[in-house]
Amino acid sequence: MRTTARWAVTLGLTATTVCGPLTGAALAGPSPAPAALYAPSALVLTVGHGTAAATATPERAVTLTCAPAPSGSHPAAPDACAELRAAGGDLAALTAGDDVLCTREYNPVVITAQGVWQGKRVSYERTFSNECVKNASATSVFAF
């Protein structure tokens, strides 16, 4: 009987030693959700002169990360992420006002977006006849 009592005490102390630190973390309360729980939303945006991205002369490129929080080298990351969320990540749906008058000069500007939006691959390209038309048609996403 004494041997059984010793084994019970030994097993109880071992269980407390091994499992004790685990219960402290559980009792500490809920922790904030880690960033890995968010679907990734990160894009590389480019602007260049030319009729297509493959032949265009690149001028600028920025990064835009929207999940879990707006960040990147984009100058207006919070506004750009808000516009993308409102459009459901559809870059073709982003349009600005039609009240801007532009010349008919043909100096093509191409914009691209490559990356991931809410876990789905994104590849977007659009060509404008000139910089003024691009600025009038695109929203803050491509204003960099």
C-alpha atoms as a PDB file:
ATOM      1  CA  MET A   1       0.000   0.000   0.000  1.00  0.00           C
ATOM      2  CA  ARG A   2       2.844   2.377   0.796  1.00  0.00           C
ATOM      3  CA  THR A   3       4.372   1.802  -2.670  1.00  0.00           C
ATOM      4  CA  THR A   4       1.087   2.711  -4.371  1.00  0.00           C
ATOM      5  CA  ALA A   5       0.832   5.931  -2.362  1.00  0.00           C
ATOM      6  CA  ARG A   6       4.413   6.865  -3.265  1.00  0.00           C
ATOM      7  CA  TRP A   7       3.736   6.296  -6.955  1.00  0.00           C
ATOM      8  CA  ALA A   8       0.543   8.353  -6.813  1.00  0.00           C
ATOM      9  CA  VAL A   9       2.358  11.269  -5.155  1.00  0.00           C
ATOM     10  CA  THR A  10       5.278  11.007  -7.611  1.00  0.00           C
ATOM     11  CA  LEU A  11       2.955  10.967 -10.640  1.00  0.00           C
ATOM     12  CA  GLY A  12       0.929  13.855  -9.233  1.00  0.00           C
ATOM     13  CA  LEU A  13       4.033  15.992  -8.704  1.00  0.00           C
ATOM     14  CA  THR A  14       5.370  15.103 -12.154  1.00  0.00           C
ATOM     15  CA  ALA A  15       2.060  16.050 -13.789  1.00  0.00           C
ATOM     16  CA  THR A  16       2.007  19.341 -11.901  1.00  0.00           C
ATOM     17  CA  THR A  17       5.590  20.118 -12.903  1.00  0.00           C
ATOM     18  CA  VAL A  18       5.019  19.315 -16.571  1.00  0.00           C
ATOM     19  CA  CYS A  19       1.509  20.750 -16.995  1.00  0.00           C
ATOM     20  CA  GLY A  20       1.721  23.625 -14.524  1.00  0.00           C
ATOM     21  CA  PRO A  21       3.275  26.161 -16.941  1.00  0.00           C
ATOM     22  CA  LEU A  22       0.647  25.295 -19.529  1.00  0.00           C
ATOM     23  CA  THR A  23      -2.254  26.203 -17.268  1.00  0.00           C
ATOM     24  CA  GLY A  24      -0.752  29.618 -16.473  1.00  0.00           C
ATOM     25  CA  ALA A  25      -0.954  30.618 -20.132  1.00  0.00           C
ATOM     26  CA  ALA A  26      -4.517  29.390 -20.376  1.00  0.00           C
ATOM     27  CA  LEU A  27      -5.584  31.354 -17.307  1.00  0.00           C
ATOM     28  CA  ALA A  28      -3.940  34.577 -18.477  1.00  0.00           C
ATOM     29  CA  GLY A  29      -6.927  35.421 -20.676  1.00  0.00           C
ATOM     30  CA  PRO A  30      -7.456  35.718 -24.395  1.00  0.00           C
ATOM     31  CA  SER A  31      -4.534  36.945 -26.432  1.00  0.00           C
ATOM     32  CA  PRO A  32      -4.846  39.086 -29.554  1.00  0.00           C
ATOM     33  CA  ALA A  33      -5.163  37.200 -32.822  1.00  0.00           C
ATOM     34  CA  PRO A  34      -1.795  36.709 -34.485  1.00  0.00           C
ATOM     35  CA  ALA A  35      -1.219  38.222 -37.901  1.00  0.00           C
ATOM     36  CA  ALA A  36      -1.063  34.727 -39.417  1.00  0.00           C
ATOM     37  CA  LEU A  37      -4.846  34.457 -39.031  1.00  0.00           C
ATOM     38  CA  TYR A  38      -5.444  37.192 -41.607  1.00  0.00           C
ATOM     39  CA  ALA A  39      -5.567  36.403 -45.305  1.00  0.00           C
ATOM     40  CA  PRO A  40      -2.609  38.192 -46.870  1.00  0.00           C
ATOM     41  CA  SER A  41      -3.266  41.365 -48.846  1.00  0.00           C
ATOM     42  CA  ALA A  42      -0.043  42.763 -50.275  1.00  0.00           C
ATOM     43  CA  LEU A  43       0.532  44.331 -53.675  1.00  0.00           C
ATOM     44  CA  VAL A  44       3.390  45.797 -55.675  1.00  0.00           C
ATOM     45  CA  LEU A  45       2.111  48.745 -57.726  1.00  0.00           C
ATOM     46  CA  THR A  46       4.043  50.193 -60.669  1.00  0.00           C
ATOM     47  CA  VAL A  47       3.703  53.106 -63.085  1.00  0.00           C
ATOM     48  CA  GLY A  48       5.593  53.412 -66.346  1.00  0.00           C
ATOM     49  CA  HIS A  49       5.471  55.029 -69.788  1.00  0.00           C
ATOM     50  CA  GLY A  50       4.520  52.744 -72.662  1.00  0.00           C
ATOM     51  CA  THR A  51       1.603  50.829 -74.104  1.00  0.00           C
ATOM     52  CA  ALA A  52       2.143  47.602 -72.136  1.00  0.00           C
ATOM     53  CA  ALA A  53       3.933  46.627 -68.944  1.00  0.00           C
ATOM     54  CA  ALA A  54       6.318  44.340 -70.829  1.00  0.00           C
ATOM     55  CA  THR A  55       7.624  47.186 -72.994  1.00  0.00           C
ATOM     56  CA  ALA A  56       7.044  50.170 -70.687  1.00  0.00           C
ATOM     57  CA  THR A  57       9.807  52.200 -69.130  1.00  0.00           C
ATOM     58  CA  PRO A  58       9.206  51.825 -65.376  1.00  0.00           C
ATOM     59  CA  GLU A  59       9.160  55.054 -63.378  1.00  0.00           C
ATOM     60  CA  ARG A  60       7.898  54.249 -59.895  1.00  0.00           C
ATOM     61  CA  ALA A  61       7.022  51.217 -57.803  1.00  0.00           C
ATOM     62  CA  VAL A  62       5.558  51.002 -54.304  1.00  0.00           C
ATOM     63  CA  THR A  63       4.393  48.287 -51.967  1.00  0.00           C
ATOM     64  CA  LEU A  64       0.972  48.250 -50.339  1.00  0.00           C
ATOM     65  CA  THR A  65       0.069  45.875 -47.519  1.00  0.00           C
ATOM     66  CA  CYS A  66      -3.509  46.017 -46.259  1.00  0.00           C
ATOM     67  CA  ALA A  67      -3.807  43.110 -43.805  1.00  0.00           C
ATOM     68  CA  PRO A  68      -3.619  43.097 -40.885  1.00  0.00           C
ATOM     69  CA  ALA A  69      -2.977  46.868 -41.039  1.00  0.00           C
ATOM     70  CA  PRO A  70      -2.193  49.336 -43.853  1.00  0.00           C
ATOM     71  CA  SER A  71       1.535  49.691 -44.441  1.00  0.00           C
ATOM     72  CA  GLY A  72       4.196  49.688 -47.130  1.00  0.00           C
ATOM     73  CA  SER A  73       5.959  52.361 -49.138  1.00  0.00           C
ATOM     74  CA  HIS A  74       2.694  53.697 -50.622  1.00  0.00           C
ATOM     75  CA  PRO A  75       2.312  57.366 -49.555  1.00  0.00           C
ATOM     76  CA  ALA A  76      -1.414  56.991 -48.734  1.00  0.00           C
ATOM     77  CA  ALA A  77      -1.623  53.356 -47.605  1.00  0.00           C
ATOM     78  CA  PRO A  78      -4.700  53.732 -45.315  1.00  0.00           C
ATOM     79  CA  ASP A  79      -6.735  55.497 -48.046  1.00  0.00           C
ATOM     80  CA  ALA A  80      -5.640  53.052 -50.744  1.00  0.00           C
ATOM     81  CA  CYS A  81      -6.517  50.037 -48.581  1.00  0.00           C
ATOM     82  CA  ALA A  82      -9.915  51.530 -47.733  1.00  0.00           C
ATOM     83  CA  GLU A  83     -10.671  52.029 -51.441  1.00  0.00           C
ATOM     84  CA  LEU A  84      -9.579  48.491 -52.267  1.00  0.00           C
ATOM     85  CA  ARG A  85     -11.730  47.057 -49.470  1.00  0.00           C
ATOM     86  CA  ALA A  86     -14.739  49.080 -50.681  1.00  0.00           C
ATOM     87  CA  ALA A  87     -14.212  47.701 -54.209  1.00  0.00           C
ATOM     88  CA  GLY A  88     -13.816  44.152 -52.930  1.00  0.00           C
ATOM     89  CA  GLY A  89     -10.249  44.092 -54.225  1.00  0.00           C
ATOM     90  CA  ASP A  90     -11.407  44.650 -57.827  1.00  0.00           C
ATOM     91  CA  LEU A  91      -8.846  47.070 -59.247  1.00  0.00           C
ATOM     92  CA  ALA A  92     -10.872  47.530 -62.458  1.00  0.00           C
ATOM     93  CA  ALA A  93     -13.760  48.901 -60.394  1.00  0.00           C
ATOM     94  CA  LEU A  94     -11.654  51.773 -59.032  1.00  0.00           C
ATOM     95  CA  THR A  95     -12.603  54.949 -60.877  1.00  0.00           C
ATOM     96  CA  ALA A  96     -12.552  58.603 -59.956  1.00  0.00           C
ATOM     97  CA  GLY A  97     -14.662  61.539 -61.106  1.00  0.00           C
ATOM     98  CA  ASP A  98     -15.268  62.400 -64.754  1.00  0.00           C
ATOM     99  CA  ASP A  99     -15.108  66.155 -64.140  1.00  0.00           C
ATOM    100  CA  VAL A 100     -11.430  66.511 -65.146  1.00  0.00           C
ATOM    101  CA  LEU A 101     -10.527  67.847 -68.575  1.00  0.00           C
ATOM    102  CA  CYS A 102      -7.397  66.429 -70.204  1.00  0.00           C
ATOM    103  CA  THR A 103      -5.629  67.088 -73.490  1.00  0.00           C
ATOM    104  CA  ARG A 104      -5.720  64.508 -76.265  1.00  0.00           C
ATOM    105  CA  GLU A 105      -1.970  64.120 -76.198  1.00  0.00           C
ATOM    106  CA  TYR A 106      -0.924  60.494 -76.684  1.00  0.00           C
ATOM    107  CA  ASN A 107       1.826  59.620 -74.220  1.00  0.00           C
ATOM    108  CA  PRO A 108       0.700  56.224 -72.851  1.00  0.00           C
ATOM    109  CA  VAL A 109       1.058  55.428 -69.164  1.00  0.00           C
ATOM    110  CA  VAL A 110       0.668  51.873 -67.889  1.00  0.00           C
ATOM    111  CA  ILE A 111      -0.104  50.879 -64.306  1.00  0.00           C
ATOM    112  CA  THR A 112       0.247  47.387 -62.876  1.00  0.00           C
ATOM    113  CA  ALA A 113      -0.587  45.595 -59.657  1.00  0.00           C
ATOM    114  CA  GLN A 114       0.911  42.237 -58.758  1.00  0.00           C
ATOM    115  CA  GLY A 115       0.483  40.342 -55.520  1.00  0.00           C
ATOM    116  CA  VAL A 116      -2.196  38.866 -53.313  1.00  0.00           C
ATOM    117  CA  TRP A 117      -5.549  40.253 -52.174  1.00  0.00           C
ATOM    118  CA  GLN A 118      -7.217  38.365 -49.302  1.00  0.00           C
ATOM    119  CA  GLY A 119      -5.284  35.236 -50.186  1.00  0.00           C
ATOM    120  CA  LYS A 120      -6.039  35.306 -53.928  1.00  0.00           C
ATOM    121  CA  ARG A 121      -3.462  36.036 -56.625  1.00  0.00           C
ATOM    122  CA  VAL A 122      -3.826  39.443 -58.327  1.00  0.00           C
ATOM    123  CA  SER A 123      -2.383  40.475 -61.684  1.00  0.00           C
ATOM    124  CA  TYR A 124      -3.713  43.746 -63.110  1.00  0.00           C
ATOM    125  CA  GLU A 125      -2.577  46.020 -65.923  1.00  0.00           C
ATOM    126  CA  ARG A 126      -4.206  49.115 -67.407  1.00  0.00           C
ATOM    127  CA  THR A 127      -2.987  51.607 -70.003  1.00  0.00           C
ATOM    128  CA  PHE A 128      -4.063  55.265 -70.100  1.00  0.00           C
ATOM    129  CA  SER A 129      -3.535  57.639 -73.025  1.00  0.00           C
ATOM    130  CA  ASN A 130      -1.559  60.087 -70.839  1.00  0.00           C
ATOM    131  CA  GLU A 131      -0.726  61.017 -67.249  1.00  0.00           C
ATOM    132  CA  CYS A 132      -3.686  63.378 -66.905  1.00  0.00           C
ATOM    133  CA  VAL A 133      -6.168  60.671 -67.904  1.00  0.00           C
ATOM    134  CA  LYS A 134      -4.517  58.270 -65.439  1.00  0.00           C
ATOM    135  CA  ASN A 135      -4.776  60.789 -62.618  1.00  0.00           C
ATOM    136  CA  ALA A 136      -8.396  61.549 -63.484  1.00  0.00           C
ATOM    137  CA  SER A 137      -9.399  57.898 -63.805  1.00  0.00           C
ATOM    138  CA  ALA A 138      -7.474  56.222 -61.033  1.00  0.00           C
ATOM    139  CA  THR A 139      -8.054  56.680 -57.337  1.00  0.00           C
ATOM    140  CA  SER A 140      -5.507  57.044 -54.538  1.00  0.00           C
ATOM    141  CA  VAL A 141      -4.398  53.436 -55.079  1.00  0.00           C
ATOM    142  CA  PHE A 142      -2.324  54.546 -58.068  1.00  0.00           C
ATOM    143  CA  ALA A 143      -1.541  58.055 -56.819  1.00  0.00           C
ATOM    144  CA  PHE A 144       2.119  57.694 -55.935  1.00  0.00           C
END
